[in-house]
Amino acid sequence: MSNKKEQEFKEYHFKVPAGHTTGMRLDKYIASFVQNVSRTKVQKAIEGEYVTVNGKVEKSSYNMEPGDQIDIHLPIPKPPEVTAEKMDLDIVYEDDDLIIVNKKAGRVVHPAYGNWTGTLVSGLMWHTDQLSEPDSKHIRPGIVHRLDKDTSGILVVAKNDETHRVLSEYFRTKDIERTYWAIVWGTPDNKEGTITGDIGRSRSDRKKMAVLPDGKGKHATTHYKVLEYFDHLSLLELKLETGRTHQIRVHLANENHWVLGDQKYGGDSVRYGANTGSRKQMFNNIMAKLQRQCLHAKTLGFEHPTTGEMVEFDSDLPEDFAHTLEKLRQNCKPTL
């Protein structure tokens, strides 16, 4: 325990909700609620007295009770050195200050637990040695904002620290235009609308985000416009005012318009309409090809940090998204 002062930690604080079934072991409970943490790692943390329950150190076998306050200080391992990797990048635009890249689905943006190689950062490091250094750990060079692993689309990358500072400020002050396209279950009542709701960690599953009561999460606002209607599905254009984790997916799921194919938030099964015969088979085929949420960051616009010129970049839909759209247009007549 002598190295605690030198060790970096990630803290978690949560209370076992009322109605929770008693008897679950402490180590199993924590492993089910904390992202990217194995049960073995949790057990070691408990043994090292990095975990307390109601202010006391307990054993891994401690049986959880409703109302128990759990406080965790997990040691953060030093990240391995990030190395450049040759990979195909879809560079939409590049100048001396920034790069616009069209990220493909399935690629993690920057190194993190479980994904130290094969990330967009590694590909960018192979592409150029001119990237900003926004953090002291040097694992996110150039990265101003992120997309989920299985969301495709446009990202801006900074090639120097001043550009990074300006772009980050744009995102903070909302002086940046971002539009996404998504295919969702159901047909919104209005062709255009706004979804609001605080977003934070789910109380029932710490590995997911959720819309929480006011004041319990971070404010989030998503604007939508229906571009096309299908049989119990819709193609939406979405604009973000805020950039919370999984914001679009969580807001839409909370409105019962789950993003098609979204395995984490319930969009990977037929939500509306018949689930039999040829329709069932069609969606089985679509899901098998997608293997992800049907969400794409379509455009990005902002004032260029150096020239002051307003620039906007657009990206084509990836093949799996375009294939899904084609199948719906061919086989699902609009209900409105």
C-alpha atoms as a PDB file:
ATOM      1  CA  MET A   1       0.000   0.000   0.000  1.00  0.00           C
ATOM      2  CA  SER A   2       3.045   2.284   0.175  1.00  0.00           C
ATOM      3  CA  ASN A   3       2.712   3.225  -3.489  1.00  0.00           C
ATOM      4  CA  LYS A   4      -0.810   4.670  -3.165  1.00  0.00           C
ATOM      5  CA  LYS A   5       0.416   8.243  -3.178  1.00  0.00           C
ATOM      6  CA  GLU A   6       2.312   7.721  -6.441  1.00  0.00           C
ATOM      7  CA  GLN A   7      -0.408   5.699  -8.147  1.00  0.00           C
ATOM      8  CA  GLU A   8      -3.121   7.319 -10.294  1.00  0.00           C
ATOM      9  CA  PHE A   9      -6.668   6.228  -9.571  1.00  0.00           C
ATOM     10  CA  LYS A  10     -10.094   6.256 -11.165  1.00  0.00           C
ATOM     11  CA  GLU A  11     -12.872   6.783  -8.671  1.00  0.00           C
ATOM     12  CA  TYR A  12     -16.387   5.367  -8.661  1.00  0.00           C
ATOM     13  CA  HIS A  13     -19.071   6.159  -6.124  1.00  0.00           C
ATOM     14  CA  PHE A  14     -22.524   4.623  -6.234  1.00  0.00           C
ATOM     15  CA  LYS A  15     -25.277   3.271  -4.009  1.00  0.00           C
ATOM     16  CA  VAL A  16     -27.005  -0.096  -4.363  1.00  0.00           C
ATOM     17  CA  PRO A  17     -30.557   0.838  -5.421  1.00  0.00           C
ATOM     18  CA  ALA A  18     -33.622   0.022  -3.369  1.00  0.00           C
ATOM     19  CA  GLY A  19     -35.247  -3.201  -4.515  1.00  0.00           C
ATOM     20  CA  HIS A  20     -31.916  -4.783  -5.428  1.00  0.00           C
ATOM     21  CA  THR A  21     -31.923  -8.505  -4.750  1.00  0.00           C
ATOM     22  CA  THR A  22     -29.772  -9.188  -1.706  1.00  0.00           C
ATOM     23  CA  GLY A  23     -27.022 -11.760  -1.714  1.00  0.00           C
ATOM     24  CA  MET A  24     -24.909 -10.749  -4.740  1.00  0.00           C
ATOM     25  CA  ARG A  25     -21.204 -10.837  -3.960  1.00  0.00           C
ATOM     26  CA  LEU A  26     -19.356  -7.544  -3.783  1.00  0.00           C
ATOM     27  CA  ASP A  27     -16.799  -8.471  -6.474  1.00  0.00           C
ATOM     28  CA  LYS A  28     -19.463  -9.698  -8.904  1.00  0.00           C
ATOM     29  CA  TYR A  29     -21.619  -6.615  -8.349  1.00  0.00           C
ATOM     30  CA  ILE A  30     -18.758  -4.202  -9.042  1.00  0.00           C
ATOM     31  CA  ALA A  31     -17.570  -6.125 -12.121  1.00  0.00           C
ATOM     32  CA  SER A  32     -21.079  -5.932 -13.588  1.00  0.00           C
ATOM     33  CA  PHE A  33     -21.323  -2.164 -13.149  1.00  0.00           C
ATOM     34  CA  VAL A  34     -17.859  -0.811 -13.941  1.00  0.00           C
ATOM     35  CA  GLN A  35     -16.685  -0.636 -17.553  1.00  0.00           C
ATOM     36  CA  ASN A  36     -13.616  -2.543 -18.723  1.00  0.00           C
ATOM     37  CA  VAL A  37     -12.918  -4.134 -15.332  1.00  0.00           C
ATOM     38  CA  SER A  38     -12.606  -7.895 -14.901  1.00  0.00           C
ATOM     39  CA  ARG A  39     -13.742  -9.698 -11.766  1.00  0.00           C
ATOM     40  CA  THR A  40     -10.140 -10.695 -11.084  1.00  0.00           C
ATOM     41  CA  LYS A  41      -9.045  -7.056 -11.162  1.00  0.00           C
ATOM     42  CA  VAL A  42     -11.908  -6.150  -8.842  1.00  0.00           C
ATOM     43  CA  GLN A  43     -10.888  -8.881  -6.395  1.00  0.00           C
ATOM     44  CA  LYS A  44      -7.322  -7.579  -6.347  1.00  0.00           C
ATOM     45  CA  ALA A  45      -8.587  -4.059  -5.705  1.00  0.00           C
ATOM     46  CA  ILE A  46     -10.727  -5.307  -2.815  1.00  0.00           C
ATOM     47  CA  GLU A  47      -7.756  -7.215  -1.367  1.00  0.00           C
ATOM     48  CA  GLY A  48      -5.636  -4.075  -1.700  1.00  0.00           C
ATOM     49  CA  GLU A  49      -8.251  -2.129   0.285  1.00  0.00           C
ATOM     50  CA  TYR A  50      -9.092   0.154  -2.620  1.00  0.00           C
ATOM     51  CA  VAL A  51     -12.820  -0.595  -2.146  1.00  0.00           C
ATOM     52  CA  THR A  52     -15.040   0.288   0.809  1.00  0.00           C
ATOM     53  CA  VAL A  53     -18.669  -0.458   1.577  1.00  0.00           C
ATOM     54  CA  ASN A  54     -20.332   2.078   3.845  1.00  0.00           C
ATOM     55  CA  GLY A  55     -16.879   3.365   4.692  1.00  0.00           C
ATOM     56  CA  LYS A  56     -15.509  -0.045   5.720  1.00  0.00           C
ATOM     57  CA  VAL A  57     -13.222  -2.525   3.965  1.00  0.00           C
ATOM     58  CA  GLU A  58     -15.071  -5.736   3.152  1.00  0.00           C
ATOM     59  CA  LYS A  59     -14.128  -9.039   1.516  1.00  0.00           C
ATOM     60  CA  SER A  60     -15.023 -10.027  -2.055  1.00  0.00           C
ATOM     61  CA  SER A  61     -17.610 -12.425  -0.647  1.00  0.00           C
ATOM     62  CA  TYR A  62     -19.539  -9.660   1.131  1.00  0.00           C
ATOM     63  CA  ASN A  63     -23.237  -9.878   0.209  1.00  0.00           C
ATOM     64  CA  MET A  64     -24.609  -6.597  -1.109  1.00  0.00           C
ATOM     65  CA  GLU A  65     -27.663  -4.993   0.468  1.00  0.00           C
ATOM     66  CA  PRO A  66     -29.956  -2.235  -0.848  1.00  0.00           C
ATOM     67  CA  GLY A  67     -28.643   1.153   0.230  1.00  0.00           C
ATOM     68  CA  ASP A  68     -24.998   0.074   0.525  1.00  0.00           C
ATOM     69  CA  GLN A  69     -22.642   2.912  -0.446  1.00  0.00           C
ATOM     70  CA  ILE A  70     -19.736   1.654  -2.549  1.00  0.00           C
ATOM     71  CA  ASP A  71     -16.603   3.762  -2.984  1.00  0.00           C
ATOM     72  CA  ILE A  72     -13.902   2.524  -5.341  1.00  0.00           C
ATOM     73  CA  HIS A  73     -10.416   3.868  -6.082  1.00  0.00           C
ATOM     74  CA  LEU A  74      -9.119   1.640  -8.869  1.00  0.00           C
ATOM     75  CA  PRO A  75      -5.411   1.952  -9.696  1.00  0.00           C
ATOM     76  CA  ILE A  76      -4.927   3.106 -13.292  1.00  0.00           C
ATOM     77  CA  PRO A  77      -2.196   1.123 -15.043  1.00  0.00           C
ATOM     78  CA  LYS A  78       0.269   3.116 -17.079  1.00  0.00           C
ATOM     79  CA  PRO A  79      -0.741   2.911 -20.736  1.00  0.00           C
ATOM     80  CA  PRO A  80       1.631   1.202 -23.139  1.00  0.00           C
ATOM     81  CA  GLU A  81       3.419   3.353 -25.681  1.00  0.00           C
ATOM     82  CA  VAL A  82       1.243   4.134 -28.672  1.00  0.00           C
ATOM     83  CA  THR A  83       2.885   3.236 -31.967  1.00  0.00           C
ATOM     84  CA  ALA A  84       2.154   4.184 -35.557  1.00  0.00           C
ATOM     85  CA  GLU A  85       0.410   1.567 -37.696  1.00  0.00           C
ATOM     86  CA  LYS A  86      -0.080   1.552 -41.438  1.00  0.00           C
ATOM     87  CA  MET A  87      -3.764   1.458 -42.335  1.00  0.00           C
ATOM     88  CA  ASP A  88      -6.168   2.751 -44.945  1.00  0.00           C
ATOM     89  CA  LEU A  89      -7.601   6.094 -43.894  1.00  0.00           C
ATOM     90  CA  ASP A  90     -10.367   7.915 -45.737  1.00  0.00           C
ATOM     91  CA  ILE A  91      -8.907  11.440 -45.685  1.00  0.00           C
ATOM     92  CA  VAL A  92     -11.585  13.891 -46.850  1.00  0.00           C
ATOM     93  CA  TYR A  93      -9.437  17.024 -46.471  1.00  0.00           C
ATOM     94  CA  GLU A  94      -6.032  18.032 -45.102  1.00  0.00           C
ATOM     95  CA  ASP A  95      -4.009  21.222 -44.721  1.00  0.00           C
ATOM     96  CA  ASP A  96      -1.224  22.474 -42.417  1.00  0.00           C
ATOM     97  CA  ASP A  97      -3.586  22.762 -39.433  1.00  0.00           C
ATOM     98  CA  LEU A  98      -6.117  19.968 -39.545  1.00  0.00           C
ATOM     99  CA  ILE A  99      -7.260  16.714 -41.078  1.00  0.00           C
ATOM    100  CA  ILE A 100     -10.840  15.681 -41.845  1.00  0.00           C
ATOM    101  CA  VAL A 101     -11.165  11.907 -41.774  1.00  0.00           C
ATOM    102  CA  ASN A 102     -14.155   9.688 -42.523  1.00  0.00           C
ATOM    103  CA  LYS A 103     -13.895   7.012 -39.810  1.00  0.00           C
ATOM    104  CA  LYS A 104     -15.152   3.575 -40.688  1.00  0.00           C
ATOM    105  CA  ALA A 105     -17.379   1.619 -38.317  1.00  0.00           C
ATOM    106  CA  GLY A 106     -15.586  -0.829 -36.044  1.00  0.00           C
ATOM    107  CA  ARG A 107     -12.518   1.368 -35.523  1.00  0.00           C
ATOM    108  CA  VAL A 108     -11.820   2.804 -32.068  1.00  0.00           C
ATOM    109  CA  VAL A 109     -10.754   6.459 -32.188  1.00  0.00           C
ATOM    110  CA  HIS A 110      -7.964   6.437 -29.604  1.00  0.00           C
ATOM    111  CA  PRO A 111      -6.159   3.860 -27.438  1.00  0.00           C
ATOM    112  CA  ALA A 112      -7.883   2.787 -24.221  1.00  0.00           C
ATOM    113  CA  TYR A 113      -8.308  -0.300 -22.078  1.00  0.00           C
ATOM    114  CA  GLY A 114      -8.646  -3.325 -24.342  1.00  0.00           C
ATOM    115  CA  ASN A 115      -7.865  -1.334 -27.502  1.00  0.00           C
ATOM    116  CA  TRP A 116      -4.215  -0.288 -27.464  1.00  0.00           C
ATOM    117  CA  THR A 117      -3.620  -1.080 -31.148  1.00  0.00           C
ATOM    118  CA  GLY A 118      -5.522  -0.704 -34.398  1.00  0.00           C
ATOM    119  CA  THR A 119      -7.006   2.655 -33.435  1.00  0.00           C
ATOM    120  CA  LEU A 120      -7.512   5.703 -35.620  1.00  0.00           C
ATOM    121  CA  VAL A 121      -4.735   7.427 -33.663  1.00  0.00           C
ATOM    122  CA  SER A 122      -2.221   4.765 -34.700  1.00  0.00           C
ATOM    123  CA  GLY A 123      -3.198   5.239 -38.339  1.00  0.00           C
ATOM    124  CA  LEU A 124      -2.910   9.007 -38.050  1.00  0.00           C
ATOM    125  CA  MET A 125       0.549   8.675 -36.500  1.00  0.00           C
ATOM    126  CA  TRP A 126       1.638   6.641 -39.533  1.00  0.00           C
ATOM    127  CA  HIS A 127       0.090   9.208 -41.866  1.00  0.00           C
ATOM    128  CA  THR A 128       1.801  12.258 -40.292  1.00  0.00           C
ATOM    129  CA  ASP A 129       4.164  13.202 -37.486  1.00  0.00           C
ATOM    130  CA  GLN A 130       2.356  16.532 -37.069  1.00  0.00           C
ATOM    131  CA  LEU A 131      -0.400  15.998 -34.500  1.00  0.00           C
ATOM    132  CA  SER A 132      -1.355  18.030 -31.447  1.00  0.00           C
ATOM    133  CA  GLU A 133      -0.581  16.701 -27.971  1.00  0.00           C
ATOM    134  CA  PRO A 134      -3.690  17.462 -25.894  1.00  0.00           C
ATOM    135  CA  ASP A 135      -2.851  15.268 -22.902  1.00  0.00           C
ATOM    136  CA  SER A 136       0.239  14.377 -20.910  1.00  0.00           C
ATOM    137  CA  LYS A 137      -0.189  10.645 -21.542  1.00  0.00           C
ATOM    138  CA  HIS A 138       0.301  11.127 -25.299  1.00  0.00           C
ATOM    139  CA  ILE A 139      -2.350   8.553 -26.208  1.00  0.00           C
ATOM    140  CA  ARG A 140      -4.771  10.930 -27.954  1.00  0.00           C
ATOM    141  CA  PRO A 141      -2.619  12.991 -30.332  1.00  0.00           C
ATOM    142  CA  GLY A 142      -4.765  15.155 -32.589  1.00  0.00           C
ATOM    143  CA  ILE A 143      -8.086  13.958 -31.196  1.00  0.00           C
ATOM    144  CA  VAL A 144     -10.481  16.847 -30.612  1.00  0.00           C
ATOM    145  CA  HIS A 145     -13.706  14.810 -30.389  1.00  0.00           C
ATOM    146  CA  ARG A 146     -14.741  11.184 -30.705  1.00  0.00           C
ATOM    147  CA  LEU A 147     -17.215   8.853 -32.337  1.00  0.00           C
ATOM    148  CA  ASP A 148     -18.309   5.544 -30.834  1.00  0.00           C
ATOM    149  CA  LYS A 149     -16.450   2.518 -32.160  1.00  0.00           C
ATOM    150  CA  ASP A 150     -19.418   1.359 -34.239  1.00  0.00           C
ATOM    151  CA  THR A 151     -20.498   4.801 -35.432  1.00  0.00           C
ATOM    152  CA  SER A 152     -19.040   5.817 -38.771  1.00  0.00           C
ATOM    153  CA  GLY A 153     -18.394   9.273 -40.147  1.00  0.00           C
ATOM    154  CA  ILE A 154     -16.627  12.628 -40.098  1.00  0.00           C
ATOM    155  CA  LEU A 155     -14.011  13.620 -37.519  1.00  0.00           C
ATOM    156  CA  VAL A 156     -11.723  16.654 -37.349  1.00  0.00           C
ATOM    157  CA  VAL A 157      -8.137  16.086 -36.195  1.00  0.00           C
ATOM    158  CA  ALA A 158      -5.777  18.867 -35.053  1.00  0.00           C
ATOM    159  CA  LYS A 159      -2.204  18.963 -36.347  1.00  0.00           C
ATOM    160  CA  ASN A 160      -0.924  21.486 -33.799  1.00  0.00           C
ATOM    161  CA  ASP A 161      -1.778  22.585 -30.270  1.00  0.00           C
ATOM    162  CA  GLU A 162      -3.200  25.993 -31.209  1.00  0.00           C
ATOM    163  CA  THR A 163      -5.611  24.465 -33.715  1.00  0.00           C
ATOM    164  CA  HIS A 164      -6.571  21.911 -31.094  1.00  0.00           C
ATOM    165  CA  ARG A 165      -7.291  24.680 -28.576  1.00  0.00           C
ATOM    166  CA  VAL A 166      -9.495  26.629 -31.004  1.00  0.00           C
ATOM    167  CA  LEU A 167     -11.423  23.569 -32.194  1.00  0.00           C
ATOM    168  CA  SER A 168     -12.001  22.392 -28.620  1.00  0.00           C
ATOM    169  CA  GLU A 169     -13.390  25.818 -27.809  1.00  0.00           C
ATOM    170  CA  TYR A 170     -15.770  25.553 -30.783  1.00  0.00           C
ATOM    171  CA  PHE A 171     -17.159  22.316 -29.377  1.00  0.00           C
ATOM    172  CA  ARG A 172     -17.470  23.860 -25.914  1.00  0.00           C
ATOM    173  CA  THR A 173     -19.318  26.948 -27.146  1.00  0.00           C
ATOM    174  CA  LYS A 174     -21.351  25.005 -29.755  1.00  0.00           C
ATOM    175  CA  ASP A 175     -19.828  27.018 -32.608  1.00  0.00           C
ATOM    176  CA  ILE A 176     -19.687  23.913 -34.746  1.00  0.00           C
ATOM    177  CA  GLU A 177     -22.316  22.263 -36.947  1.00  0.00           C
ATOM    178  CA  ARG A 178     -22.652  18.487 -36.758  1.00  0.00           C
ATOM    179  CA  THR A 179     -25.286  16.408 -38.513  1.00  0.00           C
ATOM    180  CA  TYR A 180     -25.802  12.679 -38.214  1.00  0.00           C
ATOM    181  CA  TRP A 181     -28.009  10.297 -40.141  1.00  0.00           C
ATOM    182  CA  ALA A 182     -29.684   7.383 -38.404  1.00  0.00           C
ATOM    183  CA  ILE A 183     -32.266   4.775 -39.275  1.00  0.00           C
ATOM    184  CA  VAL A 184     -34.531   4.250 -36.280  1.00  0.00           C
ATOM    185  CA  TRP A 185     -37.451   2.089 -35.249  1.00  0.00           C
ATOM    186  CA  GLY A 186     -40.829   3.792 -35.326  1.00  0.00           C
ATOM    187  CA  THR A 187     -42.110   7.031 -36.827  1.00  0.00           C
ATOM    188  CA  PRO A 188     -41.888  10.202 -34.720  1.00  0.00           C
ATOM    189  CA  ASP A 189     -45.179  12.068 -34.258  1.00  0.00           C
ATOM    190  CA  ASN A 190     -43.645  15.270 -35.627  1.00  0.00           C
ATOM    191  CA  LYS A 191     -41.479  15.585 -38.700  1.00  0.00           C
ATOM    192  CA  GLU A 192     -39.126  17.859 -36.752  1.00  0.00           C
ATOM    193  CA  GLY A 193     -38.496  18.112 -33.052  1.00  0.00           C
ATOM    194  CA  THR A 194     -36.097  18.412 -30.137  1.00  0.00           C
ATOM    195  CA  ILE A 195     -35.217  15.822 -27.521  1.00  0.00           C
ATOM    196  CA  THR A 196     -33.848  16.953 -24.163  1.00  0.00           C
ATOM    197  CA  GLY A 197     -32.888  15.002 -21.069  1.00  0.00           C
ATOM    198  CA  ASP A 198     -29.956  14.786 -18.693  1.00  0.00           C
ATOM    199  CA  ILE A 199     -27.598  11.918 -19.522  1.00  0.00           C
ATOM    200  CA  GLY A 200     -25.478   9.956 -17.066  1.00  0.00           C
ATOM    201  CA  ARG A 201     -24.540   6.437 -16.056  1.00  0.00           C
ATOM    202  CA  SER A 202     -27.483   4.059 -15.878  1.00  0.00           C
ATOM    203  CA  ARG A 203     -28.461   3.207 -12.321  1.00  0.00           C
ATOM    204  CA  SER A 204     -29.256  -0.367 -13.319  1.00  0.00           C
ATOM    205  CA  ASP A 205     -26.234  -0.995 -15.583  1.00  0.00           C
ATOM    206  CA  ARG A 206     -23.120   1.111 -15.073  1.00  0.00           C
ATOM    207  CA  LYS A 207     -21.797   0.069 -18.489  1.00  0.00           C
ATOM    208  CA  LYS A 208     -24.617   1.983 -20.199  1.00  0.00           C
ATOM    209  CA  MET A 209     -25.767   5.590 -20.286  1.00  0.00           C
ATOM    210  CA  ALA A 210     -29.347   6.639 -19.586  1.00  0.00           C
ATOM    211  CA  VAL A 211     -31.666   9.637 -19.418  1.00  0.00           C
ATOM    212  CA  LEU A 212     -31.785  10.599 -15.740  1.00  0.00           C
ATOM    213  CA  PRO A 213     -34.037  12.885 -13.667  1.00  0.00           C
ATOM    214  CA  ASP A 214     -33.210  16.585 -13.934  1.00  0.00           C
ATOM    215  CA  GLY A 215     -30.012  17.457 -12.140  1.00  0.00           C
ATOM    216  CA  LYS A 216     -28.809  13.849 -11.927  1.00  0.00           C
ATOM    217  CA  GLY A 217     -26.847  13.857 -15.173  1.00  0.00           C
ATOM    218  CA  LYS A 218     -25.397  16.258 -17.752  1.00  0.00           C
ATOM    219  CA  HIS A 219     -27.773  18.394 -19.799  1.00  0.00           C
ATOM    220  CA  ALA A 220     -28.169  17.170 -23.385  1.00  0.00           C
ATOM    221  CA  THR A 221     -30.138  18.420 -26.391  1.00  0.00           C
ATOM    222  CA  THR A 222     -30.673  16.639 -29.711  1.00  0.00           C
ATOM    223  CA  HIS A 223     -32.625  18.067 -32.671  1.00  0.00           C
ATOM    224  CA  TYR A 224     -34.100  15.735 -35.283  1.00  0.00           C
ATOM    225  CA  LYS A 225     -35.724  15.949 -38.702  1.00  0.00           C
ATOM    226  CA  VAL A 226     -37.405  13.060 -40.514  1.00  0.00           C
ATOM    227  CA  LEU A 227     -35.897  12.662 -43.965  1.00  0.00           C
ATOM    228  CA  GLU A 228     -37.814   9.571 -45.032  1.00  0.00           C
ATOM    229  CA  TYR A 229     -40.528   7.275 -43.667  1.00  0.00           C
ATOM    230  CA  PHE A 230     -40.650   3.491 -44.055  1.00  0.00           C
ATOM    231  CA  ASP A 231     -42.810   0.676 -42.728  1.00  0.00           C
ATOM    232  CA  HIS A 232     -42.450   1.319 -38.977  1.00  0.00           C
ATOM    233  CA  LEU A 233     -39.000   2.900 -39.427  1.00  0.00           C
ATOM    234  CA  SER A 234     -37.629   6.346 -40.231  1.00  0.00           C
ATOM    235  CA  LEU A 235     -34.485   7.923 -41.613  1.00  0.00           C
ATOM    236  CA  LEU A 236     -33.541  10.863 -39.386  1.00  0.00           C
ATOM    237  CA  GLU A 237     -31.141  13.754 -39.642  1.00  0.00           C
ATOM    238  CA  LEU A 238     -29.884  14.726 -36.192  1.00  0.00           C
ATOM    239  CA  LYS A 239     -28.071  17.798 -34.915  1.00  0.00           C
ATOM    240  CA  LEU A 240     -26.324  17.978 -31.557  1.00  0.00           C
ATOM    241  CA  GLU A 241     -26.217  20.969 -29.252  1.00  0.00           C
ATOM    242  CA  THR A 242     -24.222  18.951 -26.714  1.00  0.00           C
ATOM    243  CA  GLY A 243     -21.832  16.030 -27.042  1.00  0.00           C
ATOM    244  CA  ARG A 244     -22.609  13.560 -24.258  1.00  0.00           C
ATOM    245  CA  THR A 245     -21.499   9.927 -24.370  1.00  0.00           C
ATOM    246  CA  HIS A 246     -23.905   7.901 -26.570  1.00  0.00           C
ATOM    247  CA  GLN A 247     -26.195  10.970 -26.671  1.00  0.00           C
ATOM    248  CA  ILE A 248     -28.095  10.216 -29.883  1.00  0.00           C
ATOM    249  CA  ARG A 249     -28.534   6.548 -29.098  1.00  0.00           C
ATOM    250  CA  VAL A 250     -29.706   7.185 -25.529  1.00  0.00           C
ATOM    251  CA  HIS A 251     -32.088  10.027 -26.396  1.00  0.00           C
ATOM    252  CA  LEU A 252     -33.688   8.053 -29.223  1.00  0.00           C
ATOM    253  CA  ALA A 253     -33.991   4.874 -27.151  1.00  0.00           C
ATOM    254  CA  ASN A 254     -35.665   6.876 -24.393  1.00  0.00           C
ATOM    255  CA  GLU A 255     -38.231   8.055 -26.975  1.00  0.00           C
ATOM    256  CA  ASN A 256     -38.830   4.437 -28.103  1.00  0.00           C
ATOM    257  CA  HIS A 257     -37.063   5.112 -31.405  1.00  0.00           C
ATOM    258  CA  TRP A 258     -34.093   2.820 -30.960  1.00  0.00           C
ATOM    259  CA  VAL A 259     -31.348   3.122 -33.582  1.00  0.00           C
ATOM    260  CA  LEU A 260     -31.596   0.154 -35.929  1.00  0.00           C
ATOM    261  CA  GLY A 261     -28.984  -2.480 -35.091  1.00  0.00           C
ATOM    262  CA  ASP A 262     -27.943  -0.909 -31.773  1.00  0.00           C
ATOM    263  CA  GLN A 263     -26.991  -3.900 -29.645  1.00  0.00           C
ATOM    264  CA  LYS A 264     -26.334  -1.915 -26.457  1.00  0.00           C
ATOM    265  CA  TYR A 265     -29.574   0.080 -26.404  1.00  0.00           C
ATOM    266  CA  GLY A 266     -32.100  -2.366 -27.811  1.00  0.00           C
ATOM    267  CA  GLY A 267     -32.236  -1.640 -31.532  1.00  0.00           C
ATOM    268  CA  ASP A 268     -31.046  -5.082 -32.668  1.00  0.00           C
ATOM    269  CA  SER A 269     -34.496  -6.718 -32.683  1.00  0.00           C
ATOM    270  CA  VAL A 270     -37.727  -5.928 -34.526  1.00  0.00           C
ATOM    271  CA  ARG A 271     -39.414  -3.229 -32.436  1.00  0.00           C
ATOM    272  CA  TYR A 272     -42.410  -2.313 -34.597  1.00  0.00           C
ATOM    273  CA  GLY A 273     -44.394  -4.216 -37.191  1.00  0.00           C
ATOM    274  CA  ALA A 274     -44.607  -7.914 -37.959  1.00  0.00           C
ATOM    275  CA  ASN A 275     -41.716 -10.175 -37.053  1.00  0.00           C
ATOM    276  CA  THR A 276     -42.718 -13.082 -39.253  1.00  0.00           C
ATOM    277  CA  GLY A 277     -42.164 -14.471 -42.725  1.00  0.00           C
ATOM    278  CA  SER A 278     -40.262 -12.481 -45.337  1.00  0.00           C
ATOM    279  CA  ARG A 279     -40.190  -9.342 -43.168  1.00  0.00           C
ATOM    280  CA  LYS A 280     -38.475 -11.220 -40.340  1.00  0.00           C
ATOM    281  CA  GLN A 281     -35.963 -12.707 -42.785  1.00  0.00           C
ATOM    282  CA  MET A 282     -35.253  -9.306 -44.323  1.00  0.00           C
ATOM    283  CA  PHE A 283     -34.386  -7.802 -40.948  1.00  0.00           C
ATOM    284  CA  ASN A 284     -32.328 -10.835 -39.997  1.00  0.00           C
ATOM    285  CA  ASN A 285     -30.301 -10.269 -43.166  1.00  0.00           C
ATOM    286  CA  ILE A 286     -29.993  -6.524 -42.512  1.00  0.00           C
ATOM    287  CA  MET A 287     -28.808  -7.073 -38.924  1.00  0.00           C
ATOM    288  CA  ALA A 288     -26.324  -9.716 -40.023  1.00  0.00           C
ATOM    289  CA  LYS A 289     -24.767  -7.296 -42.494  1.00  0.00           C
ATOM    290  CA  LEU A 290     -24.858  -4.263 -40.209  1.00  0.00           C
ATOM    291  CA  GLN A 291     -23.428  -5.767 -37.009  1.00  0.00           C
ATOM    292  CA  ARG A 292     -23.699  -2.272 -35.482  1.00  0.00           C
ATOM    293  CA  GLN A 293     -25.958   0.727 -34.934  1.00  0.00           C
ATOM    294  CA  CYS A 294     -27.082   2.375 -38.173  1.00  0.00           C
ATOM    295  CA  LEU A 295     -25.660   5.785 -37.254  1.00  0.00           C
ATOM    296  CA  HIS A 296     -23.341   7.934 -39.360  1.00  0.00           C
ATOM    297  CA  ALA A 297     -21.745  11.348 -38.704  1.00  0.00           C
ATOM    298  CA  LYS A 298     -22.649  12.910 -42.060  1.00  0.00           C
ATOM    299  CA  THR A 299     -21.370  16.513 -41.985  1.00  0.00           C
ATOM    300  CA  LEU A 300     -19.143  18.807 -39.969  1.00  0.00           C
ATOM    301  CA  GLY A 301     -18.900  22.575 -40.340  1.00  0.00           C
ATOM    302  CA  PHE A 302     -16.930  25.298 -38.545  1.00  0.00           C
ATOM    303  CA  GLU A 303     -14.837  28.423 -38.965  1.00  0.00           C
ATOM    304  CA  HIS A 304     -11.330  27.432 -39.985  1.00  0.00           C
ATOM    305  CA  PRO A 305      -9.015  28.246 -37.030  1.00  0.00           C
ATOM    306  CA  THR A 306      -6.382  29.886 -39.246  1.00  0.00           C
ATOM    307  CA  THR A 307      -8.150  31.343 -42.285  1.00  0.00           C
ATOM    308  CA  GLY A 308     -11.421  32.316 -40.590  1.00  0.00           C
ATOM    309  CA  GLU A 309     -13.279  30.857 -43.575  1.00  0.00           C
ATOM    310  CA  MET A 310     -16.467  28.860 -42.934  1.00  0.00           C
ATOM    311  CA  VAL A 311     -15.864  25.300 -44.082  1.00  0.00           C
ATOM    312  CA  GLU A 312     -18.196  22.312 -44.237  1.00  0.00           C
ATOM    313  CA  PHE A 313     -17.346  18.707 -44.981  1.00  0.00           C
ATOM    314  CA  ASP A 314     -19.679  15.928 -46.048  1.00  0.00           C
ATOM    315  CA  SER A 315     -19.230  12.172 -46.169  1.00  0.00           C
ATOM    316  CA  ASP A 316     -20.870   9.471 -48.234  1.00  0.00           C
ATOM    317  CA  LEU A 317     -22.866   6.828 -46.405  1.00  0.00           C
ATOM    318  CA  PRO A 318     -20.839   3.679 -45.767  1.00  0.00           C
ATOM    319  CA  GLU A 319     -21.756   0.591 -47.731  1.00  0.00           C
ATOM    320  CA  ASP A 320     -23.628  -1.176 -44.916  1.00  0.00           C
ATOM    321  CA  PHE A 321     -25.785   1.900 -44.182  1.00  0.00           C
ATOM    322  CA  ALA A 322     -26.486   2.463 -47.897  1.00  0.00           C
ATOM    323  CA  HIS A 323     -27.390  -1.219 -48.314  1.00  0.00           C
ATOM    324  CA  THR A 324     -29.868  -1.012 -45.426  1.00  0.00           C
ATOM    325  CA  LEU A 325     -31.433   2.129 -46.880  1.00  0.00           C
ATOM    326  CA  GLU A 326     -31.803   0.487 -50.279  1.00  0.00           C
ATOM    327  CA  LYS A 327     -33.484  -2.595 -48.785  1.00  0.00           C
ATOM    328  CA  LEU A 328     -35.967  -0.458 -46.856  1.00  0.00           C
ATOM    329  CA  ARG A 329     -36.800   1.612 -49.926  1.00  0.00           C
ATOM    330  CA  GLN A 330     -37.375  -1.555 -51.934  1.00  0.00           C
ATOM    331  CA  ASN A 331     -39.375  -3.549 -49.409  1.00  0.00           C
ATOM    332  CA  CYS A 332     -40.918  -1.212 -46.813  1.00  0.00           C
ATOM    333  CA  LYS A 333     -43.549   1.166 -48.127  1.00  0.00           C
ATOM    334  CA  PRO A 334     -44.060   4.310 -46.046  1.00  0.00           C
ATOM    335  CA  THR A 335     -46.878   4.176 -43.516  1.00  0.00           C
ATOM    336  CA  LEU A 336     -47.451   7.961 -43.719  1.00  0.00           C
END
